[in-house]
Amino acid sequence: MHLRSKTPKMPKTLTMPASPSAWAPLAARVFRALWIAQLASNVGSWMQTVGAQWLLVGESATLVTLVQTASSLPVMLLALPSGVLADRFDRRGVLLAAQFAMLGVSTALTVLAFTGRLTPGLLLGLTFLMGCGTALMGPAWQAIQPELVERGQLGQAAALGAVNMNLARAAGPALGGVVVAAAGVGWVFAFNAVSYLGIAAVLILWKRPEVPVDGGEKLLTALRTGRRYVRHAPGVRRVLLRTMLFIPGGAALWALLPLVASRSLHLGPGGYGLLLGAVGVGAVAGAFVLPAVRRTLGANGTLAAGGVLYAGVLAVLATAPAPWLAVLVLLPAGLAWVGVLSTLNATLQTRLPGWVRARGLAVYLLFFQGGQALAAPVWGALASHWGPAVSLLAAGGLLVAGAVSVRWWPLYDGDAIDPRPSGHWPEPPLVFEPGPADGPVRISVSYRVAPEHRAAFTGHMAHVARSRRRTGALDWGLFQDGNDPAEFVETYLVGSWAEHLAQHHRRLTVTDRVHEERARGLLIPGTAPTVTHSFDVTAGPVVGVRDGAGPSGPDPA
């Protein structure tokens, strides 16, 4: 097949179009119902966090920060397996399982609190189990967003997710502080347990369309597939780098704010809740201004401005002489937090194809939550020796350095990526009838390219190479015939016949097709690629002969 492409060159810098309205995704019925149910659940989670941290304030700075570590650490352990589960099985079912698991753990926490048996060790252990539920839920929750809203609204859907969390942060801590002061810690745990029922009810009522999954992949194979995709997706890796440059410094605020409230500002649980509420109010306000900010600064400018603004907040908070000043300075912290994270999340959502979306998002959550889990005890230990002010200033310095680095390591253009499945490869015609596990399979593709197009052809094939590796190739090479300079042979190895069929039917995207068309547009007119599929005979594949089947022919595999 001879294909010519007139697709323009992809830009390298990121400019994300703004949604017509900051609240447009809420017009989608299922998204709206889940958003409201999630708000109730997040309020419960923040009430529980206030209760848990306040129980430990009298112990030590490190022990207080371990509450955040206990809730975030499970993501480092379970994010990737959870991403595999969300890609292999029905994501709605995975979400329901996570909700009921967290309901059970939260109920146990409530009973222990009311009976006076909740020790610091039990509290951290049960918080860790709650984090395991969050780790199981995270990739599936993120991966269903493109099913709920239009692609052009993913940026605002991500922002609304952050607004949801920060609305809960505005109400939950304040409400939790009041409840702890008036009735005791047990009641905030009880409210959190009940809050999981709302999301479960919406998920049960949601009639999710059937979505094809790679259910035949084994766990380790699926893990390797997801890792291979991220490794060979430069745009995804850049999002992960930007996350790594923001989260460790940003985590200092959440880890040290209880100490700032109790030791520097001499506030009780209600005052601590007020400080967290100020961050939430700033994030909600940020939802209104973020579309305009992105239009003005672009995605990379938003990341840089958010990092500098957040660093400034930490610097002022380190020296804030009065609670009212701390409340005021925490308002822009919420705006910066939601601006950076919604930009990163939306960029990733627009780049990942459906077949590997949950695994790609699981890696992102690993960097996001894992960064917080590892950074929190570091800031706590530093605060124990040098005080919260020094820790906050050091975190601010890291954030400024990260913001400046946008100049050299910007996000790539997500608008030039179309992750929709293409399915442009036809069924490979073989005389053999391989089984799904047969392999490995060596695919060879011969091209005829005029000498004057050699450099351009090899340049386009570099993009094709990444496509092959992302979708299943274990190795890849491009060779020029020593006797015929116009003859080029592309060769790559796939682990099994099932893996190669997945390339044909599910894994290739519209963007992959564009890169192939650009390379094949340089072939000598009248020629077409010739494809062969070769099997490792030492592996002993079980083969039969199809009636009437012929040898491999022109096939863009």
Protein backbone atom coordinates (compact mmCIF):
# COMPACT_ATOMS: atom_id res chain seq x y z
CA MET A 1 0.00 0.00 0.00
CA HIS A 2 1.36 3.40 -0.96
CA LEU A 3 0.22 6.12 1.41
CA ARG A 4 0.92 9.84 1.24
CA SER A 5 0.39 12.22 4.12
CA LYS A 6 -0.30 15.93 4.10
CA THR A 7 -0.44 16.13 7.89
CA PRO A 8 1.46 19.21 9.15
CA LYS A 9 4.51 18.87 11.33
CA MET A 10 3.70 18.41 15.01
CA PRO A 11 4.66 21.34 17.24
CA LYS A 12 6.95 20.67 20.17
CA THR A 13 5.48 23.01 22.76
CA LEU A 14 2.20 22.51 24.51
CA THR A 15 -0.84 24.70 24.07
CA MET A 16 -4.03 23.26 25.47
CA PRO A 17 -7.33 24.67 24.23
CA ALA A 18 -9.65 25.88 26.94
CA SER A 19 -13.06 24.37 27.41
CA PRO A 20 -15.96 26.75 26.60
CA SER A 21 -16.90 26.74 30.28
CA ALA A 22 -15.02 25.85 33.44
CA TRP A 23 -18.01 23.77 34.52
CA ALA A 24 -18.91 22.22 31.13
CA PRO A 25 -18.10 18.59 32.14
CA LEU A 26 -20.82 18.74 34.81
CA ALA A 27 -23.40 18.70 32.00
CA ALA A 28 -22.59 14.97 31.56
CA ARG A 29 -25.02 13.11 33.82
CA VAL A 30 -22.75 10.30 35.04
CA PHE A 31 -19.77 12.61 35.52
CA ARG A 32 -21.97 14.98 37.53
CA ALA A 33 -23.35 12.21 39.75
CA LEU A 34 -19.90 10.76 40.42
CA TRP A 35 -18.50 14.24 41.06
CA ILE A 36 -21.13 14.94 43.73
CA ALA A 37 -20.68 11.51 45.35
CA GLN A 38 -16.91 11.96 45.29
CA LEU A 39 -17.29 15.33 47.00
CA ALA A 40 -19.10 13.69 49.92
CA SER A 41 -16.44 10.98 50.09
CA ASN A 42 -13.59 13.52 49.98
CA VAL A 43 -15.20 15.54 52.76
CA GLY A 44 -15.23 12.36 54.84
CA SER A 45 -11.59 11.63 53.99
CA TRP A 46 -10.48 15.11 55.08
CA MET A 47 -12.49 14.86 58.28
CA GLN A 48 -10.72 11.58 59.00
CA THR A 49 -7.30 13.09 58.17
CA VAL A 50 -7.88 15.92 60.64
CA GLY A 51 -8.92 13.44 63.32
CA ALA A 52 -5.97 11.13 62.67
CA GLN A 53 -3.34 13.88 62.57
CA TRP A 54 -4.77 15.59 65.63
CA LEU A 55 -4.57 12.36 67.62
CA LEU A 56 -0.82 12.29 66.90
CA VAL A 57 0.07 15.99 67.28
CA GLY A 58 1.16 15.39 70.86
CA GLU A 59 3.47 12.52 69.89
CA SER A 60 6.19 13.78 67.48
CA ALA A 61 6.60 15.73 64.26
CA THR A 62 7.71 12.61 62.40
CA LEU A 63 4.71 10.60 63.62
CA VAL A 64 2.31 13.31 62.42
CA THR A 65 3.83 13.30 58.93
CA LEU A 66 3.60 9.49 58.84
CA VAL A 67 -0.18 9.82 58.49
CA GLN A 68 0.41 11.21 54.99
CA THR A 69 3.06 8.58 54.32
CA ALA A 70 0.75 5.74 55.43
CA SER A 71 -1.99 6.95 53.10
CA SER A 72 0.34 7.54 50.12
CA LEU A 73 2.86 4.71 50.42
CA PRO A 74 0.45 1.99 49.19
CA VAL A 75 0.37 3.70 45.82
CA MET A 76 4.09 2.98 45.42
CA LEU A 77 3.40 -0.70 46.08
CA LEU A 78 0.08 -1.20 44.31
CA ALA A 79 -0.33 1.47 41.63
CA LEU A 80 1.09 -0.63 38.79
CA PRO A 81 -0.82 -3.84 39.67
CA SER A 82 -3.95 -1.71 40.09
CA GLY A 83 -3.40 -0.25 36.64
CA VAL A 84 -3.15 -3.77 35.21
CA LEU A 85 -6.42 -4.75 36.90
CA ALA A 86 -8.15 -1.66 35.52
CA ASP A 87 -6.94 -2.44 31.98
CA ARG A 88 -7.70 -6.17 32.15
CA PHE A 89 -11.08 -6.10 33.89
CA ASP A 90 -14.20 -3.97 33.98
CA ARG A 91 -13.15 -0.65 35.52
CA ARG A 92 -16.56 -0.17 37.09
CA GLY A 93 -16.16 -3.47 38.95
CA VAL A 94 -12.68 -2.52 40.14
CA LEU A 95 -14.02 0.78 41.50
CA LEU A 96 -16.86 -0.97 43.34
CA ALA A 97 -14.44 -3.44 44.94
CA ALA A 98 -12.26 -0.56 46.15
CA GLN A 99 -15.24 1.29 47.63
CA PHE A 100 -16.46 -1.69 49.65
CA ALA A 101 -12.94 -2.51 50.82
CA MET A 102 -12.44 1.04 52.14
CA LEU A 103 -15.89 0.94 53.74
CA GLY A 104 -14.84 -2.16 55.71
CA VAL A 105 -11.54 -0.66 56.88
CA SER A 106 -13.15 2.65 57.83
CA THR A 107 -15.81 0.81 59.82
CA ALA A 108 -13.09 -1.01 61.79
CA LEU A 109 -11.37 2.32 62.46
CA THR A 110 -14.64 3.76 63.75
CA VAL A 111 -15.28 0.85 66.12
CA LEU A 112 -11.75 1.04 67.56
CA ALA A 113 -12.05 4.79 68.08
CA PHE A 114 -15.37 4.51 69.91
CA THR A 115 -14.12 1.68 72.12
CA GLY A 116 -10.91 3.52 73.05
CA ARG A 117 -8.60 0.90 71.53
CA LEU A 118 -7.14 3.00 68.72
CA THR A 119 -3.37 3.15 69.36
CA PRO A 120 -0.97 5.12 67.12
CA GLY A 121 0.22 1.86 65.58
CA LEU A 122 -3.32 0.71 64.77
CA LEU A 123 -4.20 4.14 63.43
CA LEU A 124 -1.25 4.16 61.02
CA GLY A 125 -1.85 0.53 60.04
CA LEU A 126 -5.52 1.09 59.20
CA THR A 127 -4.62 4.32 57.41
CA PHE A 128 -2.22 2.24 55.31
CA LEU A 129 -5.03 -0.19 54.45
CA MET A 130 -7.23 2.75 53.46
CA GLY A 131 -4.39 3.86 51.21
CA CYS A 132 -4.41 0.39 49.61
CA GLY A 133 -8.05 0.95 48.67
CA THR A 134 -7.17 4.34 47.24
CA ALA A 135 -4.32 2.75 45.25
CA LEU A 136 -6.72 0.15 43.83
CA MET A 137 -9.23 2.84 42.90
CA GLY A 138 -6.90 5.50 41.49
CA PRO A 139 -5.96 4.17 38.02
CA ALA A 140 -9.50 2.99 37.26
CA TRP A 141 -11.01 6.29 38.39
CA GLN A 142 -8.65 8.32 36.23
CA ALA A 143 -9.03 5.97 33.25
CA ILE A 144 -12.84 6.28 33.06
CA GLN A 145 -12.75 10.08 32.69
CA PRO A 146 -12.50 10.00 28.85
CA GLU A 147 -15.60 7.77 28.91
CA LEU A 148 -17.56 10.41 30.83
CA VAL A 149 -16.66 13.68 29.05
CA GLU A 150 -15.56 14.77 25.59
CA ARG A 151 -11.84 14.88 24.77
CA GLY A 152 -11.87 18.69 24.59
CA GLN A 153 -13.23 18.84 28.14
CA LEU A 154 -10.61 16.61 29.77
CA GLY A 155 -8.62 19.62 30.97
CA GLN A 156 -11.62 21.05 32.78
CA ALA A 157 -12.65 17.61 34.02
CA ALA A 158 -9.20 17.29 35.62
CA ALA A 159 -9.55 20.80 37.07
CA LEU A 160 -12.99 19.93 38.44
CA GLY A 161 -11.49 16.83 40.04
CA ALA A 162 -8.97 19.06 41.81
CA VAL A 163 -11.76 21.52 42.68
CA ASN A 164 -13.70 18.62 44.15
CA MET A 165 -10.80 17.70 46.38
CA ASN A 166 -10.29 21.28 47.42
CA LEU A 167 -13.95 21.97 48.06
CA ALA A 168 -13.73 19.01 50.40
CA ARG A 169 -10.54 20.51 51.82
CA ALA A 170 -12.42 23.77 52.41
CA ALA A 171 -15.32 22.09 54.21
CA GLY A 172 -13.97 18.77 55.51
CA PRO A 173 -11.15 19.95 57.81
CA ALA A 174 -13.24 22.76 59.29
CA LEU A 175 -16.16 20.39 59.84
CA GLY A 176 -13.80 17.72 61.14
CA GLY A 177 -12.21 20.13 63.59
CA VAL A 178 -15.61 21.14 64.94
CA VAL A 179 -16.74 17.52 65.26
CA VAL A 180 -13.49 16.43 66.96
CA ALA A 181 -13.72 19.30 69.43
CA ALA A 182 -17.44 18.77 70.16
CA ALA A 183 -17.95 15.00 69.98
CA GLY A 184 -14.63 13.21 69.60
CA VAL A 185 -12.57 11.57 66.88
CA GLY A 186 -14.84 8.55 66.47
CA TRP A 187 -17.56 10.54 64.77
CA VAL A 188 -15.33 11.82 61.95
CA PHE A 189 -14.31 8.22 61.25
CA ALA A 190 -17.98 7.20 61.20
CA PHE A 191 -18.89 9.92 58.69
CA ASN A 192 -16.07 8.83 56.43
CA ALA A 193 -17.31 5.22 56.49
CA VAL A 194 -20.81 6.26 55.41
CA SER A 195 -19.47 8.52 52.65
CA TYR A 196 -18.27 5.55 50.56
CA LEU A 197 -21.83 4.41 49.99
CA GLY A 198 -22.60 7.36 47.67
CA ILE A 199 -19.94 6.50 45.07
CA ALA A 200 -20.88 2.82 45.29
CA ALA A 201 -24.54 3.66 44.57
CA VAL A 202 -23.70 5.75 41.48
CA LEU A 203 -21.38 3.04 40.13
CA ILE A 204 -24.04 0.37 40.60
CA LEU A 205 -26.58 2.46 38.68
CA TRP A 206 -24.13 3.40 35.88
CA LYS A 207 -24.81 1.42 32.71
CA ARG A 208 -21.26 1.41 31.37
CA PRO A 209 -20.93 0.40 27.70
CA GLU A 210 -18.91 -2.71 26.91
CA VAL A 211 -15.25 -1.82 26.41
CA PRO A 212 -12.77 -4.35 24.93
CA VAL A 213 -9.95 -5.31 27.30
CA ASP A 214 -6.77 -7.36 26.98
CA GLY A 215 -8.14 -9.88 29.45
CA GLY A 216 -5.86 -12.67 28.22
CA GLU A 217 -2.63 -11.01 29.38
CA LYS A 218 -0.99 -12.44 32.46
CA LEU A 219 -0.16 -10.06 35.29
CA LEU A 220 3.60 -9.91 34.75
CA THR A 221 3.18 -9.65 30.98
CA ALA A 222 0.71 -6.80 31.40
CA LEU A 223 3.08 -5.03 33.81
CA ARG A 224 5.93 -5.31 31.31
CA THR A 225 3.65 -4.08 28.53
CA GLY A 226 2.69 -0.98 30.50
CA ARG A 227 6.27 -0.27 31.48
CA ARG A 228 7.39 -0.67 27.85
CA TYR A 229 4.73 1.75 26.66
CA VAL A 230 5.78 4.47 29.12
CA ARG A 231 9.46 3.90 28.34
CA HIS A 232 8.89 4.55 24.64
CA ALA A 233 6.40 7.43 24.98
CA PRO A 234 8.48 10.65 25.32
CA GLY A 235 5.43 12.82 26.02
CA VAL A 236 4.32 10.58 28.89
CA ARG A 237 7.83 10.53 30.34
CA ARG A 238 7.96 14.32 30.24
CA VAL A 239 4.71 14.54 32.26
CA LEU A 240 6.27 12.22 34.83
CA LEU A 241 9.40 14.37 34.98
CA ARG A 242 7.35 17.53 35.57
CA THR A 243 5.43 15.70 38.31
CA MET A 244 8.68 14.66 39.98
CA LEU A 245 9.93 18.26 39.88
CA PHE A 246 6.83 19.63 41.63
CA ILE A 247 5.45 17.08 44.07
CA PRO A 248 8.34 16.68 46.59
CA GLY A 249 8.42 20.43 47.27
CA GLY A 250 4.64 20.77 47.14
CA ALA A 251 4.19 17.95 49.67
CA ALA A 252 5.85 20.04 52.39
CA LEU A 253 2.70 22.13 52.83
CA TRP A 254 0.46 19.14 53.57
CA ALA A 255 3.05 17.41 55.74
CA LEU A 256 3.94 20.43 57.91
CA LEU A 257 0.73 22.43 58.10
CA PRO A 258 -0.45 20.62 61.28
CA LEU A 259 2.84 21.62 62.97
CA VAL A 260 2.59 25.21 61.73
CA ALA A 261 -0.97 25.40 63.06
CA SER A 262 -0.25 23.93 66.49
CA ARG A 263 3.30 25.10 67.25
CA SER A 264 3.85 28.30 65.28
CA LEU A 265 0.33 29.76 65.22
CA HIS A 266 -0.93 28.08 68.45
CA LEU A 267 -4.22 26.98 66.88
CA GLY A 268 -6.52 24.12 67.85
CA PRO A 269 -8.18 21.59 65.53
CA GLY A 270 -10.70 24.18 64.39
CA GLY A 271 -7.92 26.59 63.41
CA TYR A 272 -6.07 23.86 61.55
CA GLY A 273 -9.26 23.10 59.66
CA LEU A 274 -9.56 26.79 58.79
CA LEU A 275 -6.06 26.81 57.29
CA LEU A 276 -6.84 23.77 55.13
CA GLY A 277 -10.14 25.38 54.19
CA ALA A 278 -8.29 28.45 52.89
CA VAL A 279 -6.33 26.23 50.48
CA GLY A 280 -9.61 24.72 49.32
CA VAL A 281 -11.24 28.09 48.73
CA GLY A 282 -8.24 29.17 46.65
CA ALA A 283 -8.49 26.03 44.54
CA VAL A 284 -12.19 26.55 43.89
CA ALA A 285 -11.52 30.14 42.84
CA GLY A 286 -8.76 28.82 40.61
CA ALA A 287 -11.27 26.83 38.57
CA PHE A 288 -12.75 30.10 37.35
CA VAL A 289 -9.45 31.66 36.31
CA LEU A 290 -7.53 28.63 35.03
CA PRO A 291 -9.02 28.64 31.49
CA ALA A 292 -7.93 32.25 31.06
CA VAL A 293 -4.52 31.51 32.60
CA ARG A 294 -3.94 28.62 30.19
CA ARG A 295 -4.97 30.74 27.23
CA THR A 296 -2.52 33.44 28.27
CA LEU A 297 0.45 31.42 29.52
CA GLY A 298 -0.01 28.03 27.87
CA ALA A 299 0.43 24.78 29.75
CA ASN A 300 4.17 25.22 30.36
CA GLY A 301 3.71 28.80 31.51
CA THR A 302 1.00 27.61 33.90
CA LEU A 303 3.41 25.05 35.37
CA ALA A 304 6.16 27.63 35.85
CA ALA A 305 3.85 30.26 37.34
CA GLY A 306 2.22 27.68 39.62
CA GLY A 307 5.58 26.52 40.96
CA VAL A 308 6.80 30.05 41.70
CA LEU A 309 3.50 31.06 43.31
CA TYR A 310 3.47 27.96 45.51
CA ALA A 311 7.07 28.61 46.56
CA GLY A 312 6.13 32.15 47.55
CA VAL A 313 3.30 30.83 49.70
CA LEU A 314 5.69 28.51 51.55
CA ALA A 315 8.15 31.37 52.14
CA VAL A 316 5.48 33.62 53.64
CA LEU A 317 3.98 30.77 55.66
CA ALA A 318 7.41 30.05 57.16
CA THR A 319 7.49 33.52 58.69
CA ALA A 320 3.75 34.24 59.11
CA PRO A 321 3.38 36.07 62.45
CA ALA A 322 -0.40 35.76 62.72
CA PRO A 323 -3.14 33.27 61.78
CA TRP A 324 -4.98 35.78 59.58
CA LEU A 325 -1.90 36.23 57.39
CA ALA A 326 -1.51 32.46 57.09
CA VAL A 327 -5.13 32.15 55.97
CA LEU A 328 -4.68 34.84 53.32
CA VAL A 329 -1.45 33.42 51.92
CA LEU A 330 -2.90 29.90 51.67
CA LEU A 331 -5.57 31.06 49.22
CA PRO A 332 -3.16 31.30 46.23
CA ALA A 333 -1.61 27.97 47.30
CA GLY A 334 -4.85 26.26 46.32
CA LEU A 335 -4.89 28.02 42.95
CA ALA A 336 -1.29 27.01 42.21
CA TRP A 337 -1.84 23.40 43.29
CA VAL A 338 -4.92 22.88 41.14
CA GLY A 339 -3.34 24.69 38.19
CA VAL A 340 -0.23 22.50 38.10
CA LEU A 341 -1.90 19.16 38.79
CA SER A 342 -4.86 19.64 36.43
CA THR A 343 -2.43 20.62 33.65
CA LEU A 344 -0.31 17.52 34.18
CA ASN A 345 -3.32 15.22 34.48
CA ALA A 346 -5.09 16.56 31.40
CA THR A 347 -1.91 16.36 29.32
CA LEU A 348 -1.48 12.72 30.25
CA GLN A 349 -5.15 11.87 29.65
CA THR A 350 -4.98 13.24 26.10
CA ARG A 351 -1.88 11.19 25.25
CA LEU A 352 -2.76 7.70 26.50
CA PRO A 353 -4.73 5.24 24.33
CA GLY A 354 -7.53 3.31 25.98
CA TRP A 355 -5.83 -0.11 25.99
CA VAL A 356 -3.02 1.07 28.29
CA ARG A 357 -4.58 4.16 29.85
CA ALA A 358 -4.96 2.80 33.37
CA ARG A 359 -1.38 1.52 33.45
CA GLY A 360 -0.03 4.85 32.21
CA LEU A 361 -2.07 6.72 34.79
CA ALA A 362 -0.93 4.24 37.44
CA VAL A 363 2.67 5.24 36.76
CA TYR A 364 1.64 8.89 37.09
CA LEU A 365 -0.08 8.17 40.42
CA LEU A 366 3.04 6.29 41.50
CA PHE A 367 5.12 9.42 40.94
CA PHE A 368 2.45 11.68 42.45
CA GLN A 369 1.54 9.76 45.59
CA GLY A 370 4.95 8.14 45.95
CA GLY A 371 6.62 11.53 45.83
CA GLN A 372 4.42 12.72 48.67
CA ALA A 373 4.96 9.53 50.68
CA LEU A 374 8.75 9.77 50.43
CA ALA A 375 8.99 13.54 50.87
CA ALA A 376 6.69 13.84 53.90
CA PRO A 377 8.95 12.08 56.45
CA VAL A 378 11.97 13.98 55.09
CA TRP A 379 10.24 17.29 55.76
CA GLY A 380 9.11 15.98 59.15
CA ALA A 381 12.64 14.94 60.14
CA LEU A 382 14.02 18.30 58.96
CA ALA A 383 11.31 20.10 60.96
CA SER A 384 12.20 18.08 64.07
CA HIS A 385 15.82 19.28 63.92
CA TRP A 386 15.54 22.77 62.41
CA GLY A 387 11.90 23.75 62.77
CA PRO A 388 9.02 24.00 60.26
CA ALA A 389 10.22 27.36 58.90
CA VAL A 390 13.51 25.97 57.58
CA SER A 391 11.70 22.99 56.02
CA LEU A 392 9.18 25.25 54.27
CA LEU A 393 11.92 27.52 52.90
CA ALA A 394 13.90 24.52 51.60
CA ALA A 395 10.77 23.19 49.88
CA GLY A 396 10.19 26.59 48.32
CA GLY A 397 13.69 26.54 46.88
CA LEU A 398 13.02 23.16 45.25
CA LEU A 399 9.82 24.48 43.70
CA VAL A 400 11.56 27.53 42.22
CA ALA A 401 14.24 25.30 40.70
CA GLY A 402 11.53 23.09 39.22
CA ALA A 403 9.66 26.07 37.78
CA VAL A 404 12.80 27.41 36.10
CA SER A 405 13.51 24.00 34.56
CA VAL A 406 10.38 24.32 32.36
CA ARG A 407 12.60 26.24 29.96
CA TRP A 408 14.68 23.12 29.26
CA TRP A 409 12.15 20.35 29.97
CA PRO A 410 8.73 21.55 28.81
CA LEU A 411 5.67 19.41 28.22
CA TYR A 412 5.21 18.25 24.64
CA ASP A 413 2.22 19.13 22.51
CA GLY A 414 -0.64 16.88 23.57
CA ASP A 415 -2.96 18.36 20.93
CA ALA A 416 -0.87 16.71 18.19
CA ILE A 417 -1.58 13.27 19.69
CA ASP A 418 -4.71 11.35 18.73
CA PRO A 419 -4.88 8.23 20.95
CA ARG A 420 -8.03 6.82 19.35
CA PRO A 421 -7.60 3.25 18.02
CA SER A 422 -6.88 3.11 14.31
CA GLY A 423 -7.08 -0.56 13.34
CA HIS A 424 -5.53 0.20 9.94
CA TRP A 425 -3.51 -3.02 9.78
CA PRO A 426 -5.42 -5.82 8.00
CA GLU A 427 -5.48 -9.42 9.21
CA PRO A 428 -2.06 -10.94 8.38
CA PRO A 429 -2.45 -13.67 5.72
CA LEU A 430 -0.47 -16.79 6.68
CA VAL A 431 -0.36 -20.40 5.56
CA PHE A 432 0.18 -21.33 9.23
CA GLU A 433 -2.47 -21.14 11.94
CA PRO A 434 -0.48 -19.96 14.99
CA GLY A 435 -1.85 -20.25 18.49
CA PRO A 436 -2.06 -17.15 20.72
CA ALA A 437 0.98 -18.23 22.76
CA ASP A 438 3.11 -19.16 19.76
CA GLY A 439 6.20 -17.06 19.31
CA PRO A 440 8.27 -15.06 19.48
CA VAL A 441 7.40 -13.66 16.07
CA ARG A 442 9.85 -11.78 13.86
CA ILE A 443 8.13 -9.27 11.55
CA SER A 444 10.12 -7.98 8.58
CA VAL A 445 8.91 -5.15 6.33
CA SER A 446 10.73 -4.31 3.07
CA TYR A 447 10.55 -0.78 1.59
CA ARG A 448 11.78 0.70 -1.70
CA VAL A 449 13.06 4.25 -1.10
CA ALA A 450 14.75 6.58 -3.57
CA PRO A 451 18.27 7.67 -2.48
CA GLU A 452 17.29 11.34 -2.26
CA HIS A 453 14.63 10.48 0.34
CA ARG A 454 16.87 8.32 2.53
CA ALA A 455 17.43 10.89 5.31
CA ALA A 456 13.77 11.91 5.52
CA PHE A 457 12.63 8.28 5.47
CA THR A 458 14.92 7.22 8.31
CA GLY A 459 13.84 10.27 10.30
CA HIS A 460 10.17 9.32 10.05
CA MET A 461 10.97 5.70 10.82
CA ALA A 462 12.38 6.79 14.19
CA HIS A 463 8.80 7.68 15.15
CA VAL A 464 7.60 4.37 13.74
CA ALA A 465 10.19 2.60 15.90
CA ARG A 466 8.73 4.13 19.05
CA SER A 467 5.26 3.11 17.89
CA ARG A 468 6.36 -0.50 17.40
CA ARG A 469 8.02 -0.62 20.83
CA ARG A 470 5.08 1.02 22.60
CA THR A 471 2.64 -1.50 21.17
CA GLY A 472 4.63 -4.68 21.77
CA ALA A 473 8.01 -4.89 19.99
CA LEU A 474 10.84 -6.27 22.11
CA ASP A 475 13.48 -4.99 19.70
CA TRP A 476 13.53 -3.00 16.47
CA GLY A 477 15.96 -2.31 13.64
CA LEU A 478 16.11 -0.67 10.20
CA PHE A 479 18.63 -2.02 7.69
CA GLN A 480 19.75 -0.99 4.19
CA ASP A 481 20.59 -3.66 1.63
CA GLY A 482 24.30 -3.64 0.77
CA ASN A 483 23.63 -4.66 -2.84
CA ASP A 484 20.56 -2.48 -3.43
CA PRO A 485 20.69 0.97 -1.72
CA ALA A 486 17.00 1.54 -2.43
CA GLU A 487 16.01 -1.52 -0.38
CA PHE A 488 15.32 -0.97 3.34
CA VAL A 489 14.21 -3.70 5.73
CA GLU A 490 12.47 -2.94 9.02
CA THR A 491 12.53 -5.81 11.49
CA TYR A 492 11.13 -6.19 14.99
CA LEU A 493 10.40 -9.01 17.43
CA VAL A 494 7.10 -9.50 19.26
CA GLY A 495 6.78 -11.90 22.17
CA SER A 496 3.79 -13.90 20.92
CA TRP A 497 1.25 -14.13 18.15
CA ALA A 498 -1.42 -12.77 20.53
CA GLU A 499 0.75 -9.69 21.13
CA HIS A 500 1.09 -9.09 17.39
CA LEU A 501 -2.65 -9.50 16.82
CA ALA A 502 -3.21 -6.95 19.59
CA GLN A 503 -1.08 -4.56 17.54
CA HIS A 504 -3.31 -5.22 14.55
CA HIS A 505 -6.67 -4.90 16.26
CA ARG A 506 -6.44 -2.72 19.39
CA ARG A 507 -3.17 -1.01 20.13
CA LEU A 508 -2.33 1.16 17.14
CA THR A 509 -3.60 4.73 17.30
CA VAL A 510 -4.44 7.40 14.77
CA THR A 511 -1.11 9.07 15.57
CA ASP A 512 0.74 5.81 14.89
CA ARG A 513 -0.95 5.69 11.51
CA VAL A 514 0.10 9.28 10.73
CA HIS A 515 3.77 8.43 11.35
CA GLU A 516 3.52 5.35 9.13
CA GLU A 517 1.90 7.39 6.35
CA ARG A 518 4.66 9.98 6.48
CA ALA A 519 7.35 7.34 6.10
CA ARG A 520 5.51 5.47 3.34
CA GLY A 521 4.80 8.66 1.48
CA LEU A 522 8.52 8.64 0.59
CA LEU A 523 8.50 5.22 -1.11
CA ILE A 524 9.30 4.90 -4.79
CA PRO A 525 6.00 5.43 -6.67
CA GLY A 526 4.31 2.19 -7.63
CA THR A 527 5.97 0.18 -4.84
CA ALA A 528 4.44 -1.11 -1.62
CA PRO A 529 5.88 -2.60 1.58
CA THR A 530 6.31 -6.39 1.62
CA VAL A 531 5.77 -8.09 4.97
CA THR A 532 6.87 -11.48 6.31
CA HIS A 533 6.05 -13.09 9.66
CA SER A 534 8.65 -15.58 10.92
CA PHE A 535 8.29 -17.87 13.95
CA ASP A 536 10.98 -19.22 16.22
CA VAL A 537 10.99 -22.90 15.30
CA THR A 538 13.07 -23.77 18.39
CA ALA A 539 10.08 -22.74 20.53
CA GLY A 540 7.96 -25.41 18.86
CA PRO A 541 4.85 -23.49 17.78
CA VAL A 542 1.72 -25.54 17.18
CA VAL A 543 0.79 -24.81 13.58
CA GLY A 544 -1.73 -26.01 11.04
CA VAL A 545 -2.40 -25.03 7.44
CA ARG A 546 -5.36 -22.87 6.45
CA ASP A 547 -7.27 -24.02 3.44
CA GLY A 548 -6.52 -21.74 0.54
CA ALA A 549 -4.20 -19.49 2.54
CA GLY A 550 -1.31 -17.93 0.73
CA PRO A 551 1.97 -16.45 1.84
CA SER A 552 2.31 -13.07 3.48
CA GLY A 553 1.80 -10.18 1.10
CA PRO A 554 1.53 -6.40 1.16
CA ASP A 555 0.53 -5.87 4.77
CA PRO A 556 1.37 -2.77 6.81
CA ALA A 557 2.22 -4.87 9.86
